[in-house]
Amino acid sequence: MRQAGTYSGIVNGGMSGRTGPHLLPLARIKKIMKRSGEDVKMISGEAPIIFSKACELFIEELTKRSWMVTVQGKRRTLHKEDVASAVIATDIFDFLVNLVSDSAAVANDSHDHTPVLMER
């Protein structure tokens, strides 16, 4: 596989501030990318790095919003219901609502836990 050149700010620490091991496995990301469609044949060496960083940022943002729900519930352990509430309360996560709606419905029935609306 071809290595990214020195022109790449991403590989040289431009985006993440580091060049060391990535937090998410690049081989796994590349495998997921290849499975995304029959049209995807070749993937550059830098593309999985970009996806890795995007996934890191996504996880951080969703975790922060979920943690705010946890704190508002006066708890110190983040539960899947907190993630569901954060997804439901945040417009940018609308694409995940169907994924977490079953979890949120079960949580509301068993814990009387209603989704917490958060300010942006």
PDB file of N, CA and C in Angstrom:
ATOM      1  N   MET A   1       0.844  -1.170   0.000  1.00  0.00           N
ATOM      2  CA  MET A   1       0.000   0.000   0.000  1.00  0.00           C
ATOM      3  C   MET A   1       0.892   1.237   0.000  1.00  0.00           C
ATOM      4  N   ARG A   2       0.490   2.222  -0.754  1.00  0.00           N
ATOM      5  CA  ARG A   2       1.252   3.450  -0.879  1.00  0.00           C
ATOM      6  C   ARG A   2       1.125   4.295   0.377  1.00  0.00           C
ATOM      7  N   GLN A   3       2.216   4.828   0.847  1.00  0.00           N
ATOM      8  CA  GLN A   3       2.230   5.684   2.024  1.00  0.00           C
ATOM      9  C   GLN A   3       1.888   7.116   1.624  1.00  0.00           C
ATOM     10  N   ALA A   4       1.233   7.832   2.510  1.00  0.00           N
ATOM     11  CA  ALA A   4       0.914   9.228   2.252  1.00  0.00           C
ATOM     12  C   ALA A   4       2.201  10.037   2.261  1.00  0.00           C
ATOM     13  N   GLY A   5       2.266  11.001   1.381  1.00  0.00           N
ATOM     14  CA  GLY A   5       3.464  11.824   1.274  1.00  0.00           C
ATOM     15  C   GLY A   5       3.559  12.855   2.380  1.00  0.00           C
ATOM     16  N   THR A   6       4.666  13.585   2.396  1.00  0.00           N
ATOM     17  CA  THR A   6       4.880  14.586   3.432  1.00  0.00           C
ATOM     18  C   THR A   6       3.951  15.778   3.262  1.00  0.00           C
ATOM     19  N   TYR A   7       3.290  15.878   2.107  1.00  0.00           N
ATOM     20  CA  TYR A   7       2.364  16.970   1.885  1.00  0.00           C
ATOM     21  C   TYR A   7       1.098  16.817   2.733  1.00  0.00           C
ATOM     22  N   SER A   8       0.880  15.640   3.256  1.00  0.00           N
ATOM     23  CA  SER A   8      -0.359  15.348   3.966  1.00  0.00           C
ATOM     24  C   SER A   8      -0.304  15.850   5.402  1.00  0.00           C
ATOM     25  N   GLY A   9      -1.080  16.875   5.700  1.00  0.00           N
ATOM     26  CA  GLY A   9      -1.157  17.385   7.059  1.00  0.00           C
ATOM     27  C   GLY A   9      -1.846  16.411   7.996  1.00  0.00           C
ATOM     28  N   ILE A  10      -2.688  15.552   7.440  1.00  0.00           N
ATOM     29  CA  ILE A  10      -3.415  14.593   8.259  1.00  0.00           C
ATOM     30  C   ILE A  10      -2.446  13.573   8.840  1.00  0.00           C
ATOM     31  N   VAL A  11      -1.609  13.014   8.005  1.00  0.00           N
ATOM     32  CA  VAL A  11      -0.665  12.004   8.453  1.00  0.00           C
ATOM     33  C   VAL A  11       0.424  12.618   9.316  1.00  0.00           C
ATOM     34  N   ASN A  12       0.790  13.850   9.032  1.00  0.00           N
ATOM     35  CA  ASN A  12       1.857  14.503   9.775  1.00  0.00           C
ATOM     36  C   ASN A  12       1.364  15.242  11.007  1.00  0.00           C
ATOM     37  N   GLY A  13       0.157  14.933  11.452  1.00  0.00           N
ATOM     38  CA  GLY A  13      -0.327  15.514  12.699  1.00  0.00           C
ATOM     39  C   GLY A  13      -1.142  16.772  12.531  1.00  0.00           C
ATOM     40  N   GLY A  14      -1.527  17.121  11.309  1.00  0.00           N
ATOM     41  CA  GLY A  14      -2.269  18.349  11.091  1.00  0.00           C
ATOM     42  C   GLY A  14      -3.648  18.354  11.705  1.00  0.00           C
ATOM     43  N   MET A  15      -4.408  17.284  11.528  1.00  0.00           N
ATOM     44  CA  MET A  15      -5.771  17.257  12.058  1.00  0.00           C
ATOM     45  C   MET A  15      -5.810  16.816  13.512  1.00  0.00           C
ATOM     46  N   SER A  16      -5.127  15.744  13.822  1.00  0.00           N
ATOM     47  CA  SER A  16      -5.255  15.193  15.164  1.00  0.00           C
ATOM     48  C   SER A  16      -4.139  15.623  16.101  1.00  0.00           C
ATOM     49  N   GLY A  17      -3.104  16.227  15.559  1.00  0.00           N
ATOM     50  CA  GLY A  17      -2.000  16.644  16.399  1.00  0.00           C
ATOM     51  C   GLY A  17      -1.046  15.504  16.728  1.00  0.00           C
ATOM     52  N   ARG A  18      -1.254  14.358  16.102  1.00  0.00           N
ATOM     53  CA  ARG A  18      -0.380  13.216  16.365  1.00  0.00           C
ATOM     54  C   ARG A  18      -0.304  12.360  15.109  1.00  0.00           C
ATOM     55  N   THR A  19       0.716  11.562  15.032  1.00  0.00           N
ATOM     56  CA  THR A  19       0.873  10.667  13.892  1.00  0.00           C
ATOM     57  C   THR A  19       0.886   9.221  14.332  1.00  0.00           C
ATOM     58  N   GLY A  20       0.855   8.987  15.606  1.00  0.00           N
ATOM     59  CA  GLY A  20       0.989   7.653  16.162  1.00  0.00           C
ATOM     60  C   GLY A  20      -0.196   6.760  15.850  1.00  0.00           C
ATOM     61  N   PRO A  21      -0.331   5.705  16.632  1.00  0.00           N
ATOM     62  CA  PRO A  21      -1.412   4.764  16.365  1.00  0.00           C
ATOM     63  C   PRO A  21      -2.776   5.445  16.480  1.00  0.00           C
ATOM     64  N   HIS A  22      -3.641   5.069  15.589  1.00  0.00           N
ATOM     65  CA  HIS A  22      -4.977   5.665  15.576  1.00  0.00           C
ATOM     66  C   HIS A  22      -5.839   4.981  16.616  1.00  0.00           C
ATOM     67  N   LEU A  23      -6.817   5.717  17.118  1.00  0.00           N
ATOM     68  CA  LEU A  23      -7.680   5.165  18.145  1.00  0.00           C
ATOM     69  C   LEU A  23      -8.582   4.063  17.610  1.00  0.00           C
ATOM     70  N   LEU A  24      -8.916   4.138  16.338  1.00  0.00           N
ATOM     71  CA  LEU A  24      -9.746   3.118  15.713  1.00  0.00           C
ATOM     72  C   LEU A  24      -8.905   2.364  14.681  1.00  0.00           C
ATOM     73  N   PRO A  25      -9.105   1.070  14.559  1.00  0.00           N
ATOM     74  CA  PRO A  25      -8.276   0.272  13.640  1.00  0.00           C
ATOM     75  C   PRO A  25      -8.558   0.601  12.172  1.00  0.00           C
ATOM     76  N   LEU A  26      -7.527   1.055  11.477  1.00  0.00           N
ATOM     77  CA  LEU A  26      -7.689   1.477  10.087  1.00  0.00           C
ATOM     78  C   LEU A  26      -8.055   0.313   9.176  1.00  0.00           C
ATOM     79  N   ALA A  27      -7.543  -0.876   9.448  1.00  0.00           N
ATOM     80  CA  ALA A  27      -7.872  -2.035   8.614  1.00  0.00           C
ATOM     81  C   ALA A  27      -9.369  -2.346   8.702  1.00  0.00           C
ATOM     82  N   ARG A  28      -9.930  -2.221   9.890  1.00  0.00           N
ATOM     83  CA  ARG A  28     -11.360  -2.475  10.074  1.00  0.00           C
ATOM     84  C   ARG A  28     -12.181  -1.419   9.343  1.00  0.00           C
ATOM     85  N   ILE A  29     -11.763  -0.173   9.411  1.00  0.00           N
ATOM     86  CA  ILE A  29     -12.462   0.912   8.716  1.00  0.00           C
ATOM     87  C   ILE A  29     -12.428   0.662   7.218  1.00  0.00           C
ATOM     88  N   LYS A  30     -11.279   0.266   6.708  1.00  0.00           N
ATOM     89  CA  LYS A  30     -11.144  -0.003   5.272  1.00  0.00           C
ATOM     90  C   LYS A  30     -12.045  -1.165   4.860  1.00  0.00           C
ATOM     91  N   LYS A  31     -12.151  -2.186   5.701  1.00  0.00           N
ATOM     92  CA  LYS A  31     -13.014  -3.335   5.403  1.00  0.00           C
ATOM     93  C   LYS A  31     -14.479  -2.893   5.336  1.00  0.00           C
ATOM     94  N   ILE A  32     -14.895  -2.040   6.259  1.00  0.00           N
ATOM     95  CA  ILE A  32     -16.265  -1.522   6.254  1.00  0.00           C
ATOM     96  C   ILE A  32     -16.502  -0.685   5.010  1.00  0.00           C
ATOM     97  N   MET A  33     -15.526   0.129   4.637  1.00  0.00           N
ATOM     98  CA  MET A  33     -15.650   0.958   3.442  1.00  0.00           C
ATOM     99  C   MET A  33     -15.822   0.091   2.197  1.00  0.00           C
ATOM    100  N   LYS A  34     -15.061  -0.986   2.097  1.00  0.00           N
ATOM    101  CA  LYS A  34     -15.157  -1.862   0.931  1.00  0.00           C
ATOM    102  C   LYS A  34     -16.496  -2.593   0.881  1.00  0.00           C
ATOM    103  N   ARG A  35     -17.073  -2.881   2.041  1.00  0.00           N
ATOM    104  CA  ARG A  35     -18.369  -3.560   2.084  1.00  0.00           C
ATOM    105  C   ARG A  35     -19.527  -2.625   1.765  1.00  0.00           C
ATOM    106  N   SER A  36     -19.282  -1.330   1.700  1.00  0.00           N
ATOM    107  CA  SER A  36     -20.357  -0.361   1.545  1.00  0.00           C
ATOM    108  C   SER A  36     -21.040  -0.429   0.188  1.00  0.00           C
ATOM    109  N   GLY A  37     -20.404  -0.997  -0.798  1.00  0.00           N
ATOM    110  CA  GLY A  37     -21.033  -1.110  -2.110  1.00  0.00           C
ATOM    111  C   GLY A  37     -20.126  -1.781  -3.118  1.00  0.00           C
ATOM    112  N   GLU A  38     -20.759  -2.324  -4.129  1.00  0.00           N
ATOM    113  CA  GLU A  38     -19.994  -3.009  -5.168  1.00  0.00           C
ATOM    114  C   GLU A  38     -19.148  -2.041  -5.989  1.00  0.00           C
ATOM    115  N   ASP A  39     -19.546  -0.774  -6.015  1.00  0.00           N
ATOM    116  CA  ASP A  39     -18.822   0.223  -6.798  1.00  0.00           C
ATOM    117  C   ASP A  39     -17.496   0.612  -6.170  1.00  0.00           C
ATOM    118  N   VAL A  40     -17.335   0.360  -4.888  1.00  0.00           N
ATOM    119  CA  VAL A  40     -16.109   0.740  -4.187  1.00  0.00           C
ATOM    120  C   VAL A  40     -15.062  -0.330  -4.437  1.00  0.00           C
ATOM    121  N   LYS A  41     -14.064   0.022  -5.230  1.00  0.00           N
ATOM    122  CA  LYS A  41     -13.017  -0.938  -5.588  1.00  0.00           C
ATOM    123  C   LYS A  41     -11.678  -0.587  -4.938  1.00  0.00           C
ATOM    124  N   MET A  42     -11.287   0.671  -5.076  1.00  0.00           N
ATOM    125  CA  MET A  42      -9.995   1.114  -4.567  1.00  0.00           C
ATOM    126  C   MET A  42     -10.215   2.208  -3.521  1.00  0.00           C
ATOM    127  N   ILE A  43      -9.425   2.134  -2.454  1.00  0.00           N
ATOM    128  CA  ILE A  43      -9.504   3.122  -1.382  1.00  0.00           C
ATOM    129  C   ILE A  43      -8.090   3.618  -1.112  1.00  0.00           C
ATOM    130  N   SER A  44      -7.904   4.923  -1.147  1.00  0.00           N
ATOM    131  CA  SER A  44      -6.571   5.476  -0.911  1.00  0.00           C
ATOM    132  C   SER A  44      -6.158   5.231   0.533  1.00  0.00           C
ATOM    133  N   GLY A  45      -4.882   5.355   0.799  1.00  0.00           N
ATOM    134  CA  GLY A  45      -4.366   5.148   2.141  1.00  0.00           C
ATOM    135  C   GLY A  45      -4.815   6.209   3.134  1.00  0.00           C
ATOM    136  N   GLU A  46      -5.117   7.397   2.638  1.00  0.00           N
ATOM    137  CA  GLU A  46      -5.520   8.485   3.525  1.00  0.00           C
ATOM    138  C   GLU A  46      -6.997   8.457   3.881  1.00  0.00           C
ATOM    139  N   ALA A  47      -7.840   7.846   3.051  1.00  0.00           N
ATOM    140  CA  ALA A  47      -9.287   7.845   3.287  1.00  0.00           C
ATOM    141  C   ALA A  47      -9.652   7.199   4.633  1.00  0.00           C
ATOM    142  N   PRO A  48      -9.119   6.030   4.991  1.00  0.00           N
ATOM    143  CA  PRO A  48      -9.464   5.458   6.303  1.00  0.00           C
ATOM    144  C   PRO A  48      -9.014   6.339   7.473  1.00  0.00           C
ATOM    145  N   ILE A  49      -7.957   7.100   7.289  1.00  0.00           N
ATOM    146  CA  ILE A  49      -7.494   8.006   8.342  1.00  0.00           C
ATOM    147  C   ILE A  49      -8.534   9.098   8.578  1.00  0.00           C
ATOM    148  N   ILE A  50      -9.091   9.634   7.495  1.00  0.00           N
ATOM    149  CA  ILE A  50     -10.131  10.661   7.599  1.00  0.00           C
ATOM    150  C   ILE A  50     -11.364  10.071   8.282  1.00  0.00           C
ATOM    151  N   PHE A  51     -11.764   8.865   7.852  1.00  0.00           N
ATOM    152  CA  PHE A  51     -12.915   8.210   8.473  1.00  0.00           C
ATOM    153  C   PHE A  51     -12.668   7.939   9.948  1.00  0.00           C
ATOM    154  N   SER A  52     -11.456   7.553  10.293  1.00  0.00           N
ATOM    155  CA  SER A  52     -11.116   7.290  11.691  1.00  0.00           C
ATOM    156  C   SER A  52     -11.313   8.544  12.532  1.00  0.00           C
ATOM    157  N   LYS A  53     -10.816   9.654  12.039  1.00  0.00           N
ATOM    158  CA  LYS A  53     -10.967  10.914  12.768  1.00  0.00           C
ATOM    159  C   LYS A  53     -12.436  11.326  12.857  1.00  0.00           C
ATOM    160  N   ALA A  54     -13.182  11.148  11.761  1.00  0.00           N
ATOM    161  CA  ALA A  54     -14.603  11.488  11.765  1.00  0.00           C
ATOM    162  C   ALA A  54     -15.354  10.632  12.790  1.00  0.00           C
ATOM    163  N   CYS A  55     -15.018   9.351  12.857  1.00  0.00           N
ATOM    164  CA  CYS A  55     -15.656   8.461  13.835  1.00  0.00           C
ATOM    165  C   CYS A  55     -15.310   8.878  15.260  1.00  0.00           C
ATOM    166  N   GLU A  56     -14.059   9.257  15.496  1.00  0.00           N
ATOM    167  CA  GLU A  56     -13.651   9.729  16.823  1.00  0.00           C
ATOM    168  C   GLU A  56     -14.465  10.948  17.234  1.00  0.00           C
ATOM    169  N   LEU A  57     -14.611  11.906  16.330  1.00  0.00           N
ATOM    170  CA  LEU A  57     -15.365  13.124  16.629  1.00  0.00           C
ATOM    171  C   LEU A  57     -16.840  12.813  16.874  1.00  0.00           C
ATOM    172  N   PHE A  58     -17.395  11.897  16.085  1.00  0.00           N
ATOM    173  CA  PHE A  58     -18.786  11.493  16.253  1.00  0.00           C
ATOM    174  C   PHE A  58     -19.004  10.858  17.626  1.00  0.00           C
ATOM    175  N   ILE A  59     -18.127   9.946  18.005  1.00  0.00           N
ATOM    176  CA  ILE A  59     -18.235   9.271  19.298  1.00  0.00           C
ATOM    177  C   ILE A  59     -18.103  10.270  20.440  1.00  0.00           C
ATOM    178  N   GLU A  60     -17.148  11.201  20.320  1.00  0.00           N
ATOM    179  CA  GLU A  60     -16.967  12.216  21.359  1.00  0.00           C
ATOM    180  C   GLU A  60     -18.220  13.074  21.522  1.00  0.00           C
ATOM    181  N   GLU A  61     -18.792  13.531  20.415  1.00  0.00           N
ATOM    182  CA  GLU A  61     -19.974  14.398  20.477  1.00  0.00           C
ATOM    183  C   GLU A  61     -21.170  13.664  21.063  1.00  0.00           C
ATOM    184  N   LEU A  62     -21.411  12.447  20.613  1.00  0.00           N
ATOM    185  CA  LEU A  62     -22.536  11.677  21.135  1.00  0.00           C
ATOM    186  C   LEU A  62     -22.339  11.355  22.616  1.00  0.00           C
ATOM    187  N   THR A  63     -21.118  11.078  23.009  1.00  0.00           N
ATOM    188  CA  THR A  63     -20.835  10.791  24.417  1.00  0.00           C
ATOM    189  C   THR A  63     -21.061  12.027  25.282  1.00  0.00           C
ATOM    190  N   LYS A  64     -20.606  13.200  24.828  1.00  0.00           N
ATOM    191  CA  LYS A  64     -20.808  14.434  25.593  1.00  0.00           C
ATOM    192  C   LYS A  64     -22.290  14.717  25.804  1.00  0.00           C
ATOM    193  N   ARG A  65     -23.076  14.564  24.746  1.00  0.00           N
ATOM    194  CA  ARG A  65     -24.510  14.829  24.856  1.00  0.00           C
ATOM    195  C   ARG A  65     -25.195  13.782  25.734  1.00  0.00           C
ATOM    196  N   SER A  66     -24.756  12.540  25.637  1.00  0.00           N
ATOM    197  CA  SER A  66     -25.313  11.479  26.477  1.00  0.00           C
ATOM    198  C   SER A  66     -24.947  11.702  27.939  1.00  0.00           C
ATOM    199  N   TRP A  67     -23.736  12.166  28.169  1.00  0.00           N
ATOM    200  CA  TRP A  67     -23.297  12.432  29.546  1.00  0.00           C
ATOM    201  C   TRP A  67     -24.118  13.554  30.168  1.00  0.00           C
ATOM    202  N   MET A  68     -24.485  14.561  29.365  1.00  0.00           N
ATOM    203  CA  MET A  68     -25.315  15.645  29.891  1.00  0.00           C
ATOM    204  C   MET A  68     -26.663  15.101  30.352  1.00  0.00           C
ATOM    205  N   VAL A  69     -27.214  14.129  29.639  1.00  0.00           N
ATOM    206  CA  VAL A  69     -28.466  13.493  30.052  1.00  0.00           C
ATOM    207  C   VAL A  69     -28.246  12.734  31.363  1.00  0.00           C
ATOM    208  N   THR A  70     -27.120  12.047  31.469  1.00  0.00           N
ATOM    209  CA  THR A  70     -26.794  11.300  32.690  1.00  0.00           C
ATOM    210  C   THR A  70     -26.715  12.233  33.890  1.00  0.00           C
ATOM    211  N   VAL A  71     -26.024  13.345  33.734  1.00  0.00           N
ATOM    212  CA  VAL A  71     -25.862  14.313  34.826  1.00  0.00           C
ATOM    213  C   VAL A  71     -27.210  14.923  35.196  1.00  0.00           C
ATOM    214  N   GLN A  72     -28.035  15.226  34.199  1.00  0.00           N
ATOM    215  CA  GLN A  72     -29.360  15.785  34.489  1.00  0.00           C
ATOM    216  C   GLN A  72     -30.223  14.788  35.256  1.00  0.00           C
ATOM    217  N   GLY A  73     -29.946  13.504  35.075  1.00  0.00           N
ATOM    218  CA  GLY A  73     -30.658  12.470  35.815  1.00  0.00           C
ATOM    219  C   GLY A  73     -30.032  12.182  37.169  1.00  0.00           C
ATOM    220  N   LYS A  74     -29.035  12.989  37.532  1.00  0.00           N
ATOM    221  CA  LYS A  74     -28.342  12.859  38.824  1.00  0.00           C
ATOM    222  C   LYS A  74     -27.726  11.470  39.015  1.00  0.00           C
ATOM    223  N   ARG A  75     -27.111  10.994  37.944  1.00  0.00           N
ATOM    224  CA  ARG A  75     -26.424   9.702  38.001  1.00  0.00           C
ATOM    225  C   ARG A  75     -24.986   9.882  37.552  1.00  0.00           C
ATOM    226  N   ARG A  76     -24.177   8.861  37.808  1.00  0.00           N
ATOM    227  CA  ARG A  76     -22.769   8.925  37.426  1.00  0.00           C
ATOM    228  C   ARG A  76     -22.383   7.806  36.467  1.00  0.00           C
ATOM    229  N   THR A  77     -23.369   7.031  36.032  1.00  0.00           N
ATOM    230  CA  THR A  77     -23.119   5.963  35.072  1.00  0.00           C
ATOM    231  C   THR A  77     -23.963   6.208  33.839  1.00  0.00           C
ATOM    232  N   LEU A  78     -23.324   6.255  32.683  1.00  0.00           N
ATOM    233  CA  LEU A  78     -24.011   6.477  31.425  1.00  0.00           C
ATOM    234  C   LEU A  78     -24.646   5.161  30.973  1.00  0.00           C
ATOM    235  N   HIS A  79     -25.940   5.202  30.684  1.00  0.00           N
ATOM    236  CA  HIS A  79     -26.686   4.027  30.246  1.00  0.00           C
ATOM    237  C   HIS A  79     -27.116   4.191  28.800  1.00  0.00           C
ATOM    238  N   LYS A  80     -27.524   3.087  28.185  1.00  0.00           N
ATOM    239  CA  LYS A  80     -27.957   3.164  26.787  1.00  0.00           C
ATOM    240  C   LYS A  80     -29.183   4.064  26.643  1.00  0.00           C
ATOM    241  N   GLU A  81     -29.991   4.168  27.676  1.00  0.00           N
ATOM    242  CA  GLU A  81     -31.151   5.058  27.632  1.00  0.00           C
ATOM    243  C   GLU A  81     -30.719   6.524  27.543  1.00  0.00           C
ATOM    244  N   ASP A  82     -29.572   6.854  28.133  1.00  0.00           N
ATOM    245  CA  ASP A  82     -29.035   8.214  28.043  1.00  0.00           C
ATOM    246  C   ASP A  82     -28.621   8.518  26.602  1.00  0.00           C
ATOM    247  N   VAL A  83     -28.022   7.534  25.962  1.00  0.00           N
ATOM    248  CA  VAL A  83     -27.630   7.703  24.561  1.00  0.00           C
ATOM    249  C   VAL A  83     -28.883   7.884  23.709  1.00  0.00           C
ATOM    250  N   ALA A  84     -29.896   7.065  23.955  1.00  0.00           N
ATOM    251  CA  ALA A  84     -31.150   7.172  23.204  1.00  0.00           C
ATOM    252  C   ALA A  84     -31.783   8.548  23.397  1.00  0.00           C
ATOM    253  N   SER A  85     -31.801   9.028  24.621  1.00  0.00           N
ATOM    254  CA  SER A  85     -32.378  10.352  24.897  1.00  0.00           C
ATOM    255  C   SER A  85     -31.597  11.453  24.196  1.00  0.00           C
ATOM    256  N   ALA A  86     -30.277  11.338  24.194  1.00  0.00           N
ATOM    257  CA  ALA A  86     -29.443  12.345  23.521  1.00  0.00           C
ATOM    258  C   ALA A  86     -29.694  12.334  22.019  1.00  0.00           C
ATOM    259  N   VAL A  87     -29.849  11.154  21.444  1.00  0.00           N
ATOM    260  CA  VAL A  87     -30.121  11.041  20.002  1.00  0.00           C
ATOM    261  C   VAL A  87     -31.470  11.665  19.680  1.00  0.00           C
ATOM    262  N   ILE A  88     -32.480  11.346  20.477  1.00  0.00           N
ATOM    263  CA  ILE A  88     -33.823  11.865  20.227  1.00  0.00           C
ATOM    264  C   ILE A  88     -33.870  13.383  20.390  1.00  0.00           C
ATOM    265  N   ALA A  89     -33.091  13.923  21.315  1.00  0.00           N
ATOM    266  CA  ALA A  89     -33.132  15.355  21.604  1.00  0.00           C
ATOM    267  C   ALA A  89     -32.252  16.195  20.678  1.00  0.00           C
ATOM    268  N   THR A  90     -31.464  15.569  19.827  1.00  0.00           N
ATOM    269  CA  THR A  90     -30.510  16.310  18.999  1.00  0.00           C
ATOM    270  C   THR A  90     -30.819  16.110  17.524  1.00  0.00           C
ATOM    271  N   ASP A  91     -31.082  17.203  16.826  1.00  0.00           N
ATOM    272  CA  ASP A  91     -31.465  17.131  15.416  1.00  0.00           C
ATOM    273  C   ASP A  91     -30.409  16.470  14.540  1.00  0.00           C
ATOM    274  N   ILE A  92     -29.150  16.725  14.820  1.00  0.00           N
ATOM    275  CA  ILE A  92     -28.104  16.190  13.942  1.00  0.00           C
ATOM    276  C   ILE A  92     -27.991  14.672  14.031  1.00  0.00           C
ATOM    277  N   PHE A  93     -28.602  14.073  15.035  1.00  0.00           N
ATOM    278  CA  PHE A  93     -28.587  12.615  15.176  1.00  0.00           C
ATOM    279  C   PHE A  93     -29.900  11.976  14.738  1.00  0.00           C
ATOM    280  N   ASP A  94     -30.718  12.700  13.973  1.00  0.00           N
ATOM    281  CA  ASP A  94     -32.003  12.165  13.531  1.00  0.00           C
ATOM    282  C   ASP A  94     -31.864  10.848  12.761  1.00  0.00           C
ATOM    283  N   PHE A  95     -30.764  10.660  12.075  1.00  0.00           N
ATOM    284  CA  PHE A  95     -30.570   9.430  11.314  1.00  0.00           C
ATOM    285  C   PHE A  95     -30.441   8.202  12.215  1.00  0.00           C
ATOM    286  N   LEU A  96     -30.269   8.414  13.519  1.00  0.00           N
ATOM    287  CA  LEU A  96     -30.146   7.310  14.471  1.00  0.00           C
ATOM    288  C   LEU A  96     -31.424   7.045  15.270  1.00  0.00           C
ATOM    289  N   VAL A  97     -32.446   7.875  15.071  1.00  0.00           N
ATOM    290  CA  VAL A  97     -33.651   7.768  15.894  1.00  0.00           C
ATOM    291  C   VAL A  97     -34.284   6.386  15.778  1.00  0.00           C
ATOM    292  N   ASN A  98     -34.389   5.844  14.570  1.00  0.00           N
ATOM    293  CA  ASN A  98     -34.986   4.516  14.409  1.00  0.00           C
ATOM    294  C   ASN A  98     -34.169   3.449  15.115  1.00  0.00           C
ATOM    295  N   LEU A  99     -32.887   3.629  15.180  1.00  0.00           N
ATOM    296  CA  LEU A  99     -32.011   2.660  15.831  1.00  0.00           C
ATOM    297  C   LEU A  99     -32.214   2.637  17.341  1.00  0.00           C
ATOM    298  N   VAL A 100     -32.450   3.783  17.941  1.00  0.00           N
ATOM    299  CA  VAL A 100     -32.561   3.871  19.397  1.00  0.00           C
ATOM    300  C   VAL A 100     -34.002   3.982  19.893  1.00  0.00           C
ATOM    301  N   SER A 101     -34.962   4.108  19.004  1.00  0.00           N
ATOM    302  CA  SER A 101     -36.344   4.331  19.442  1.00  0.00           C
ATOM    303  C   SER A 101     -36.876   3.161  20.261  1.00  0.00           C
ATOM    304  N   ASP A 102     -36.518   1.924  19.923  1.00  0.00           N
ATOM    305  CA  ASP A 102     -36.945   0.772  20.720  1.00  0.00           C
ATOM    306  C   ASP A 102     -36.348   0.843  22.111  1.00  0.00           C
ATOM    307  N   SER A 103     -35.083   1.216  22.192  1.00  0.00           N
ATOM    308  CA  SER A 103     -34.404   1.329  23.483  1.00  0.00           C
ATOM    309  C   SER A 103     -35.051   2.410  24.336  1.00  0.00           C
ATOM    310  N   ALA A 104     -35.399   3.528  23.722  1.00  0.00           N
ATOM    311  CA  ALA A 104     -36.013   4.627  24.460  1.00  0.00           C
ATOM    312  C   ALA A 104     -37.409   4.249  24.937  1.00  0.00           C
ATOM    313  N   ALA A 105     -38.165   3.508  24.126  1.00  0.00           N
ATOM    314  CA  ALA A 105     -39.511   3.099  24.513  1.00  0.00           C
ATOM    315  C   ALA A 105     -39.461   2.147  25.694  1.00  0.00           C
ATOM    316  N   VAL A 106     -38.526   1.210  25.684  1.00  0.00           N
ATOM    317  CA  VAL A 106     -38.364   0.272  26.793  1.00  0.00           C
ATOM    318  C   VAL A 106     -37.962   1.028  28.055  1.00  0.00           C
ATOM    319  N   ALA A 107     -37.068   1.989  27.918  1.00  0.00           N
ATOM    320  CA  ALA A 107     -36.608   2.763  29.074  1.00  0.00           C
ATOM    321  C   ALA A 107     -37.746   3.586  29.661  1.00  0.00           C
ATOM    322  N   ASN A 108     -38.559   4.182  28.811  1.00  0.00           N
ATOM    323  CA  ASN A 108     -39.671   4.997  29.300  1.00  0.00           C
ATOM    324  C   ASN A 108     -40.692   4.141  30.048  1.00  0.00           C
ATOM    325  N   ASP A 109     -40.931   2.932  29.560  1.00  0.00           N
ATOM    326  CA  ASP A 109     -41.904   2.051  30.205  1.00  0.00           C
ATOM    327  C   ASP A 109     -41.386   1.539  31.542  1.00  0.00           C
ATOM    328  N   SER A 110     -40.109   1.136  31.589  1.00  0.00           N
ATOM    329  CA  SER A 110     -39.607   0.482  32.789  1.00  0.00           C
ATOM    330  C   SER A 110     -39.063   1.446  33.840  1.00  0.00           C
ATOM    331  N   HIS A 111     -38.555   2.601  33.430  1.00  0.00           N
ATOM    332  CA  HIS A 111     -37.927   3.516  34.386  1.00  0.00           C
ATOM    333  C   HIS A 111     -38.635   4.859  34.487  1.00  0.00           C
ATOM    334  N   ASP A 112     -39.712   5.040  33.717  1.00  0.00           N
ATOM    335  CA  ASP A 112     -40.378   6.324  33.664  1.00  0.00           C
ATOM    336  C   ASP A 112     -39.376   7.431  33.354  1.00  0.00           C
ATOM    337  N   HIS A 113     -38.479   7.155  32.414  1.00  0.00           N
ATOM    338  CA  HIS A 113     -37.391   8.058  32.021  1.00  0.00           C
ATOM    339  C   HIS A 113     -37.787   8.710  30.710  1.00  0.00           C
ATOM    340  N   THR A 114     -38.079   9.987  30.744  1.00  0.00           N
ATOM    341  CA  THR A 114     -38.459  10.683  29.528  1.00  0.00           C
ATOM    342  C   THR A 114     -37.234  11.344  28.915  1.00  0.00           C
ATOM    343  N   PRO A 115     -37.207  11.438  27.570  1.00  0.00           N
ATOM    344  CA  PRO A 115     -36.053  12.080  26.931  1.00  0.00           C
ATOM    345  C   PRO A 115     -35.886  13.511  27.420  1.00  0.00           C
ATOM    346  N   VAL A 116     -34.676  13.873  27.692  1.00  0.00           N
ATOM    347  CA  VAL A 116     -34.369  15.197  28.196  1.00  0.00           C
ATOM    348  C   VAL A 116     -33.981  16.077  27.023  1.00  0.00           C
ATOM    349  N   LEU A 117     -34.660  17.205  26.863  1.00  0.00           N
ATOM    350  CA  LEU A 117     -34.325  18.126  25.803  1.00  0.00           C
ATOM    351  C   LEU A 117     -33.185  19.015  26.256  1.00  0.00           C
ATOM    352  N   MET A 118     -32.197  19.137  25.392  1.00  0.00           N
ATOM    353  CA  MET A 118     -31.015  19.919  25.754  1.00  0.00           C
ATOM    354  C   MET A 118     -30.932  21.131  24.848  1.00  0.00           C
ATOM    355  N   GLU A 119     -30.409  22.195  25.392  1.00  0.00           N
ATOM    356  CA  GLU A 119     -30.186  23.393  24.599  1.00  0.00           C
ATOM    357  C   GLU A 119     -28.920  23.219  23.783  1.00  0.00           C
ATOM    358  N   ARG A 120     -28.901  23.871  22.644  1.00  0.00           N
ATOM    359  CA  ARG A 120     -27.702  23.811  21.814  1.00  0.00           C
ATOM    360  C   ARG A 120     -26.857  25.014  22.037  1.00  0.00           C
TER     361      ARG A 120
END
